[in-house]
């Protein structure tokens, strides 16, 4: 944006931005693409965080089922758990379809 060399985020002045308008207009397409990329990456990071929190904090409530003298632990409220798993699978699929997926592929695949 051709800001003054001494300009920093802490010392940025309005006049510095006004003087950069011609450069910003010329680079509007690149700025828009950068903004879209940043927004897409934030969305993916938030989704990954949501998935990790769910994986780390979801606890199964088990009940013992007696069948032929054998105790088998079963997940209580399994329908709710399966619904959540299905929702998260859909989220993962949508993340994989994002054009920003490649930067997060290893993290997403680990969760998957």
Foldseek 3Di string as FASTA:
>chain_A
DPFPPPDDPVRDDPVSVVVCVVVCVVCVVVVVVVVVLVVLVVVVVVLLVVLVCCVVPDDFDWDWDADPNDTDTDGPPVVVVVVVVVVNVVVLVVLVVDPNNVVCVVSSVVSD
